[in-house]
């Protein structure tokens, strides 16, 4: 999948959860949504982009969700 599109889609999810008044809840919501609705290959690719420093366009909330909840988001196997 196009790397820029993954960042854009993740940021749109982040925009939705950013409206929550509790920051921790918003962060958890982003991670939970990515885990439930994104294919493992999409999550794997986004995490790899983050690791390589190629996800510069991510919002702070999405970046934090990826870092704090990495174990939840990494596909098994």
PDB file of N, CA and C in Angstrom:
ATOM      1  N   UNK A   1       0.850  -1.179   0.000  1.00  0.00           N
ATOM      2  CA  UNK A   1       0.000   0.000   0.000  1.00  0.00           C
ATOM      3  C   UNK A   1       0.892   1.237   0.000  1.00  0.00           C
ATOM      4  N   UNK A   2       0.415   2.284  -0.593  1.00  0.00           N
ATOM      5  CA  UNK A   2       1.151   3.537  -0.680  1.00  0.00           C
ATOM      6  C   UNK A   2       1.442   4.078   0.723  1.00  0.00           C
ATOM      7  N   UNK A   3       2.723   4.298   1.042  1.00  0.00           N
ATOM      8  CA  UNK A   3       3.080   4.772   2.386  1.00  0.00           C
ATOM      9  C   UNK A   3       2.405   6.084   2.780  1.00  0.00           C
ATOM     10  N   UNK A   4       2.302   7.001   1.859  1.00  0.00           N
ATOM     11  CA  UNK A   4       1.650   8.280   2.177  1.00  0.00           C
ATOM     12  C   UNK A   4       0.176   8.084   2.488  1.00  0.00           C
ATOM     13  N   UNK A   5      -0.446   7.144   1.804  1.00  0.00           N
ATOM     14  CA  UNK A   5      -1.860   6.875   2.051  1.00  0.00           C
ATOM     15  C   UNK A   5      -2.063   6.275   3.447  1.00  0.00           C
ATOM     16  N   UNK A   6      -1.158   5.401   3.872  1.00  0.00           N
ATOM     17  CA  UNK A   6      -1.264   4.832   5.219  1.00  0.00           C
ATOM     18  C   UNK A   6      -1.188   5.936   6.273  1.00  0.00           C
ATOM     19  N   UNK A   7      -0.254   6.840   6.104  1.00  0.00           N
ATOM     20  CA  UNK A   7      -0.113   7.951   7.054  1.00  0.00           C
ATOM     21  C   UNK A   7      -1.371   8.806   7.046  1.00  0.00           C
ATOM     22  N   UNK A   8      -1.871   9.097   5.877  1.00  0.00           N
ATOM     23  CA  UNK A   8      -3.078   9.928   5.757  1.00  0.00           C
ATOM     24  C   UNK A   8      -4.278   9.246   6.435  1.00  0.00           C
ATOM     25  N   UNK A   9      -4.439   7.940   6.204  1.00  0.00           N
ATOM     26  CA  UNK A   9      -5.560   7.214   6.810  1.00  0.00           C
ATOM     27  C   UNK A   9      -5.407   7.154   8.329  1.00  0.00           C
ATOM     28  N   UNK A  10      -4.194   6.900   8.807  1.00  0.00           N
ATOM     29  CA  UNK A  10      -3.959   6.852  10.257  1.00  0.00           C
ATOM     30  C   UNK A  10      -4.253   8.210  10.885  1.00  0.00           C
ATOM     31  N   UNK A  11      -3.865   9.281  10.218  1.00  0.00           N
ATOM     32  CA  UNK A  11      -4.119  10.625  10.741  1.00  0.00           C
ATOM     33  C   UNK A  11      -5.609  10.936  10.796  1.00  0.00           C
ATOM     34  N   UNK A  12      -6.366  10.435   9.849  1.00  0.00           N
ATOM     35  CA  UNK A  12      -7.823  10.666   9.872  1.00  0.00           C
ATOM     36  C   UNK A  12      -8.453   9.949  11.068  1.00  0.00           C
ATOM     37  N   UNK A  13      -7.959   8.763  11.367  1.00  0.00           N
ATOM     38  CA  UNK A  13      -8.422   8.059  12.563  1.00  0.00           C
ATOM     39  C   UNK A  13      -8.053   8.874  13.795  1.00  0.00           C
ATOM     40  N   UNK A  14      -6.839   9.381  13.804  1.00  0.00           N
ATOM     41  CA  UNK A  14      -6.384  10.215  14.915  1.00  0.00           C
ATOM     42  C   UNK A  14      -7.229  11.459  15.100  1.00  0.00           C
ATOM     43  N   UNK A  15      -7.636  12.075  13.996  1.00  0.00           N
ATOM     44  CA  UNK A  15      -8.480  13.274  14.077  1.00  0.00           C
ATOM     45  C   UNK A  15      -9.794  12.961  14.788  1.00  0.00           C
ATOM     46  N   UNK A  16     -10.353  11.804  14.488  1.00  0.00           N
ATOM     47  CA  UNK A  16     -11.611  11.414  15.129  1.00  0.00           C
ATOM     48  C   UNK A  16     -11.420  11.287  16.642  1.00  0.00           C
ATOM     49  N   UNK A  17     -10.392  10.552  17.047  1.00  0.00           N
ATOM     50  CA  UNK A  17     -10.186  10.305  18.472  1.00  0.00           C
ATOM     51  C   UNK A  17      -9.636  11.518  19.209  1.00  0.00           C
ATOM     52  N   UNK A  18      -9.016  12.441  18.506  1.00  0.00           N
ATOM     53  CA  UNK A  18      -8.480  13.653  19.140  1.00  0.00           C
ATOM     54  C   UNK A  18      -9.586  14.497  19.762  1.00  0.00           C
ATOM     55  N   UNK A  19     -10.813  14.299  19.324  1.00  0.00           N
ATOM     56  CA  UNK A  19     -11.941  15.059  19.871  1.00  0.00           C
ATOM     57  C   UNK A  19     -12.303  14.613  21.291  1.00  0.00           C
ATOM     58  N   UNK A  20     -11.803  13.461  21.711  1.00  0.00           N
ATOM     59  CA  UNK A  20     -12.091  12.990  23.070  1.00  0.00           C
ATOM     60  C   UNK A  20     -11.378  13.888  24.083  1.00  0.00           C
ATOM     61  N   UNK A  21     -12.016  14.186  25.188  1.00  0.00           N
ATOM     62  CA  UNK A  21     -11.395  15.078  26.175  1.00  0.00           C
ATOM     63  C   UNK A  21     -10.217  14.447  26.918  1.00  0.00           C
ATOM     64  N   UNK A  22     -10.191  13.129  27.011  1.00  0.00           N
ATOM     65  CA  UNK A  22      -9.123  12.430  27.730  1.00  0.00           C
ATOM     66  C   UNK A  22      -8.069  11.965  26.724  1.00  0.00           C
ATOM     67  N   UNK A  23      -6.855  12.497  26.839  1.00  0.00           N
ATOM     68  CA  UNK A  23      -5.792  12.186  25.886  1.00  0.00           C
ATOM     69  C   UNK A  23      -5.442  10.699  25.885  1.00  0.00           C
ATOM     70  N   UNK A  24      -5.344  10.091  27.054  1.00  0.00           N
ATOM     71  CA  UNK A  24      -5.007   8.665  27.131  1.00  0.00           C
ATOM     72  C   UNK A  24      -6.075   7.815  26.447  1.00  0.00           C
ATOM     73  N   UNK A  25      -7.328   8.192  26.631  1.00  0.00           N
ATOM     74  CA  UNK A  25      -8.427   7.472  25.987  1.00  0.00           C
ATOM     75  C   UNK A  25      -8.348   7.623  24.472  1.00  0.00           C
ATOM     76  N   UNK A  26      -7.985   8.804  24.006  1.00  0.00           N
ATOM     77  CA  UNK A  26      -7.834   9.043  22.568  1.00  0.00           C
ATOM     78  C   UNK A  26      -6.715   8.182  21.999  1.00  0.00           C
ATOM     79  N   UNK A  27      -5.610   8.124  22.710  1.00  0.00           N
ATOM     80  CA  UNK A  27      -4.465   7.315  22.283  1.00  0.00           C
ATOM     81  C   UNK A  27      -4.856   5.836  22.219  1.00  0.00           C
ATOM     82  N   UNK A  28      -5.521   5.363  23.244  1.00  0.00           N
ATOM     83  CA  UNK A  28      -5.992   3.982  23.274  1.00  0.00           C
ATOM     84  C   UNK A  28      -6.976   3.713  22.131  1.00  0.00           C
ATOM     85  N   UNK A  29      -7.837   4.683  21.852  1.00  0.00           N
ATOM     86  CA  UNK A  29      -8.822   4.533  20.787  1.00  0.00           C
ATOM     87  C   UNK A  29      -8.181   4.386  19.419  1.00  0.00           C
ATOM     88  N   UNK A  30      -7.142   5.166  19.161  1.00  0.00           N
ATOM     89  CA  UNK A  30      -6.429   5.054  17.881  1.00  0.00           C
ATOM     90  C   UNK A  30      -5.846   3.656  17.742  1.00  0.00           C
ATOM     91  N   UNK A  31      -5.149   3.199  18.765  1.00  0.00           N
ATOM     92  CA  UNK A  31      -4.515   1.880  18.710  1.00  0.00           C
ATOM     93  C   UNK A  31      -5.549   0.768  18.557  1.00  0.00           C
ATOM     94  N   UNK A  32      -6.625   0.856  19.302  1.00  0.00           N
ATOM     95  CA  UNK A  32      -7.666  -0.169  19.229  1.00  0.00           C
ATOM     96  C   UNK A  32      -8.290  -0.212  17.843  1.00  0.00           C
ATOM     97  N   UNK A  33      -8.547   0.955  17.267  1.00  0.00           N
ATOM     98  CA  UNK A  33      -9.129   0.998  15.928  1.00  0.00           C
ATOM     99  C   UNK A  33      -8.182   0.368  14.907  1.00  0.00           C
ATOM    100  N   UNK A  34      -6.910   0.733  14.969  1.00  0.00           N
ATOM    101  CA  UNK A  34      -5.942   0.160  14.032  1.00  0.00           C
ATOM    102  C   UNK A  34      -5.872  -1.355  14.191  1.00  0.00           C
ATOM    103  N   UNK A  35      -5.901  -1.833  15.398  1.00  0.00           N
ATOM    104  CA  UNK A  35      -5.823  -3.280  15.647  1.00  0.00           C
ATOM    105  C   UNK A  35      -7.054  -4.006  15.101  1.00  0.00           C
ATOM    106  N   UNK A  36      -8.210  -3.431  15.318  1.00  0.00           N
ATOM    107  CA  UNK A  36      -9.453  -4.098  14.912  1.00  0.00           C
ATOM    108  C   UNK A  36      -9.719  -4.047  13.415  1.00  0.00           C
ATOM    109  N   UNK A  37      -9.417  -2.919  12.793  1.00  0.00           N
ATOM    110  CA  UNK A  37      -9.899  -2.699  11.431  1.00  0.00           C
ATOM    111  C   UNK A  37      -8.830  -2.671  10.349  1.00  0.00           C
ATOM    112  N   UNK A  38      -7.586  -2.595  10.715  1.00  0.00           N
ATOM    113  CA  UNK A  38      -6.528  -2.609   9.706  1.00  0.00           C
ATOM    114  C   UNK A  38      -5.984  -4.017   9.554  1.00  0.00           C
ATOM    115  N   UNK A  39      -5.694  -4.399   8.314  1.00  0.00           N
ATOM    116  CA  UNK A  39      -5.075  -5.691   8.059  1.00  0.00           C
ATOM    117  C   UNK A  39      -3.686  -5.713   8.694  1.00  0.00           C
ATOM    118  N   UNK A  40      -3.227  -6.890   9.103  1.00  0.00           N
ATOM    119  CA  UNK A  40      -1.890  -6.979   9.697  1.00  0.00           C
ATOM    120  C   UNK A  40      -0.790  -6.390   8.814  1.00  0.00           C
ATOM    121  N   UNK A  41      -0.880  -6.594   7.500  1.00  0.00           N
ATOM    122  CA  UNK A  41       0.164  -6.051   6.618  1.00  0.00           C
ATOM    123  C   UNK A  41       0.175  -4.524   6.631  1.00  0.00           C
ATOM    124  N   UNK A  42      -0.976  -3.903   6.791  1.00  0.00           N
ATOM    125  CA  UNK A  42      -1.038  -2.439   6.855  1.00  0.00           C
ATOM    126  C   UNK A  42      -0.382  -1.941   8.143  1.00  0.00           C
ATOM    127  N   UNK A  43      -0.690  -2.603   9.263  1.00  0.00           N
ATOM    128  CA  UNK A  43      -0.072  -2.214  10.535  1.00  0.00           C
ATOM    129  C   UNK A  43       1.432  -2.443  10.493  1.00  0.00           C
ATOM    130  N   UNK A  44       1.844  -3.581   9.933  1.00  0.00           N
ATOM    131  CA  UNK A  44       3.266  -3.897   9.824  1.00  0.00           C
ATOM    132  C   UNK A  44       3.986  -2.833   8.986  1.00  0.00           C
ATOM    133  N   UNK A  45       3.378  -2.440   7.887  1.00  0.00           N
ATOM    134  CA  UNK A  45       4.000  -1.444   7.013  1.00  0.00           C
ATOM    135  C   UNK A  45       4.098  -0.084   7.703  1.00  0.00           C
ATOM    136  N   UNK A  46       3.056   0.333   8.407  1.00  0.00           N
ATOM    137  CA  UNK A  46       3.087   1.624   9.085  1.00  0.00           C
ATOM    138  C   UNK A  46       4.134   1.624  10.203  1.00  0.00           C
ATOM    139  N   UNK A  47       4.228   0.537  10.954  1.00  0.00           N
ATOM    140  CA  UNK A  47       5.243   0.449  12.005  1.00  0.00           C
ATOM    141  C   UNK A  47       6.659   0.460  11.417  1.00  0.00           C
ATOM    142  N   UNK A  48       6.835  -0.204  10.289  1.00  0.00           N
ATOM    143  CA  UNK A  48       8.144  -0.201   9.624  1.00  0.00           C
ATOM    144  C   UNK A  48       8.503   1.208   9.153  1.00  0.00           C
ATOM    145  N   UNK A  49       7.534   1.929   8.615  1.00  0.00           N
ATOM    146  CA  UNK A  49       7.767   3.320   8.209  1.00  0.00           C
ATOM    147  C   UNK A  49       8.212   4.149   9.409  1.00  0.00           C
ATOM    148  N   UNK A  50       7.539   3.970  10.515  1.00  0.00           N
ATOM    149  CA  UNK A  50       7.881   4.692  11.740  1.00  0.00           C
ATOM    150  C   UNK A  50       9.310   4.367  12.163  1.00  0.00           C
ATOM    151  N   UNK A  51       9.671   3.095  12.134  1.00  0.00           N
ATOM    152  CA  UNK A  51      11.011   2.663  12.531  1.00  0.00           C
ATOM    153  C   UNK A  51      12.097   3.253  11.630  1.00  0.00           C
ATOM    154  N   UNK A  52      11.792   3.379  10.354  1.00  0.00           N
ATOM    155  CA  UNK A  52      12.776   3.907   9.394  1.00  0.00           C
ATOM    156  C   UNK A  52      12.790   5.428   9.341  1.00  0.00           C
ATOM    157  N   UNK A  53      11.924   6.065  10.105  1.00  0.00           N
ATOM    158  CA  UNK A  53      11.855   7.519  10.079  1.00  0.00           C
ATOM    159  C   UNK A  53      11.174   8.062   8.840  1.00  0.00           C
ATOM    160  N   UNK A  54      10.331   7.246   8.221  1.00  0.00           N
ATOM    161  CA  UNK A  54       9.659   7.634   6.978  1.00  0.00           C
ATOM    162  C   UNK A  54       8.192   7.997   7.186  1.00  0.00           C
ATOM    163  N   UNK A  55       7.802   8.235   8.424  1.00  0.00           N
ATOM    164  CA  UNK A  55       6.404   8.556   8.711  1.00  0.00           C
ATOM    165  C   UNK A  55       6.321   9.967   9.289  1.00  0.00           C
ATOM    166  N   UNK A  56       7.028  10.897   8.663  1.00  0.00           N
ATOM    167  CA  UNK A  56       7.100  12.261   9.177  1.00  0.00           C
ATOM    168  C   UNK A  56       5.746  12.943   9.271  1.00  0.00           C
ATOM    169  N   UNK A  57       4.808  12.571   8.450  1.00  0.00           N
ATOM    170  CA  UNK A  57       3.520  13.241   8.427  1.00  0.00           C
ATOM    171  C   UNK A  57       2.551  12.819   9.511  1.00  0.00           C
ATOM    172  N   UNK A  58       2.931  11.839  10.329  1.00  0.00           N
ATOM    173  CA  UNK A  58       2.014  11.390  11.383  1.00  0.00           C
ATOM    174  C   UNK A  58       1.783  12.480  12.418  1.00  0.00           C
ATOM    175  N   UNK A  59       0.550  12.582  12.871  1.00  0.00           N
ATOM    176  CA  UNK A  59       0.259  13.523  13.952  1.00  0.00           C
ATOM    177  C   UNK A  59       0.841  12.977  15.256  1.00  0.00           C
ATOM    178  N   UNK A  60       0.981  13.841  16.222  1.00  0.00           N
ATOM    179  CA  UNK A  60       1.528  13.435  17.509  1.00  0.00           C
ATOM    180  C   UNK A  60       0.724  12.349  18.176  1.00  0.00           C
ATOM    181  N   UNK A  61      -0.595  12.446  18.099  1.00  0.00           N
ATOM    182  CA  UNK A  61      -1.453  11.458  18.737  1.00  0.00           C
ATOM    183  C   UNK A  61      -1.261  10.079  18.111  1.00  0.00           C
ATOM    184  N   UNK A  62      -1.225  10.013  16.802  1.00  0.00           N
ATOM    185  CA  UNK A  62      -1.070   8.727  16.119  1.00  0.00           C
ATOM    186  C   UNK A  62       0.313   8.151  16.402  1.00  0.00           C
ATOM    187  N   UNK A  63       1.323   8.981  16.343  1.00  0.00           N
ATOM    188  CA  UNK A  63       2.687   8.525  16.637  1.00  0.00           C
ATOM    189  C   UNK A  63       2.761   7.965  18.061  1.00  0.00           C
ATOM    190  N   UNK A  64       2.175   8.670  19.002  1.00  0.00           N
ATOM    191  CA  UNK A  64       2.162   8.209  20.392  1.00  0.00           C
ATOM    192  C   UNK A  64       1.429   6.881  20.524  1.00  0.00           C
ATOM    193  N   UNK A  65       0.291   6.752  19.851  1.00  0.00           N
ATOM    194  CA  UNK A  65      -0.476   5.499  19.906  1.00  0.00           C
ATOM    195  C   UNK A  65       0.345   4.340  19.355  1.00  0.00           C
ATOM    196  N   UNK A  66       1.052   4.566  18.261  1.00  0.00           N
ATOM    197  CA  UNK A  66       1.877   3.511  17.677  1.00  0.00           C
ATOM    198  C   UNK A  66       3.005   3.108  18.620  1.00  0.00           C
ATOM    199  N   UNK A  67       3.618   4.081  19.254  1.00  0.00           N
ATOM    200  CA  UNK A  67       4.742   3.797  20.140  1.00  0.00           C
ATOM    201  C   UNK A  67       4.291   3.156  21.450  1.00  0.00           C
ATOM    202  N   UNK A  68       3.230   3.673  22.049  1.00  0.00           N
ATOM    203  CA  UNK A  68       2.761   3.163  23.346  1.00  0.00           C
ATOM    204  C   UNK A  68       2.110   1.791  23.243  1.00  0.00           C
ATOM    205  N   UNK A  69       1.501   1.505  22.104  1.00  0.00           N
ATOM    206  CA  UNK A  69       0.730   0.272  21.954  1.00  0.00           C
ATOM    207  C   UNK A  69       1.308  -0.642  20.881  1.00  0.00           C
ATOM    208  N   UNK A  70       2.594  -0.549  20.696  1.00  0.00           N
ATOM    209  CA  UNK A  70       3.239  -1.330  19.638  1.00  0.00           C
ATOM    210  C   UNK A  70       2.971  -2.832  19.787  1.00  0.00           C
ATOM    211  N   UNK A  71       3.055  -3.353  21.000  1.00  0.00           N
ATOM    212  CA  UNK A  71       2.844  -4.797  21.215  1.00  0.00           C
ATOM    213  C   UNK A  71       1.448  -5.221  20.763  1.00  0.00           C
ATOM    214  N   UNK A  72       0.467  -4.370  20.974  1.00  0.00           N
ATOM    215  CA  UNK A  72      -0.901  -4.654  20.549  1.00  0.00           C
ATOM    216  C   UNK A  72      -1.019  -4.616  19.021  1.00  0.00           C
ATOM    217  N   UNK A  73      -0.254  -3.756  18.391  1.00  0.00           N
ATOM    218  CA  UNK A  73      -0.399  -3.513  16.958  1.00  0.00           C
ATOM    219  C   UNK A  73       0.447  -4.431  16.079  1.00  0.00           C
ATOM    220  N   UNK A  74       1.508  -4.999  16.625  1.00  0.00           N
ATOM    221  CA  UNK A  74       2.355  -5.870  15.811  1.00  0.00           C
ATOM    222  C   UNK A  74       1.636  -7.169  15.537  1.00  0.00           C
ATOM    223  N   UNK A  75       1.514  -7.510  14.269  1.00  0.00           N
ATOM    224  CA  UNK A  75       0.845  -8.760  13.918  1.00  0.00           C
ATOM    225  C   UNK A  75       1.629  -9.964  14.441  1.00  0.00           C
ATOM    226  N   UNK A  76       0.919 -10.974  14.830  1.00  0.00           N
ATOM    227  CA  UNK A  76       1.568 -12.206  15.316  1.00  0.00           C
ATOM    228  C   UNK A  76       2.265 -12.899  14.157  1.00  0.00           C
ATOM    229  N   UNK A  77       3.374 -13.533  14.466  1.00  0.00           N
ATOM    230  CA  UNK A  77       4.087 -14.304  13.448  1.00  0.00           C
ATOM    231  C   UNK A  77       4.978 -13.461  12.707  1.00  0.00           C
TER     232      UNK A  77
END
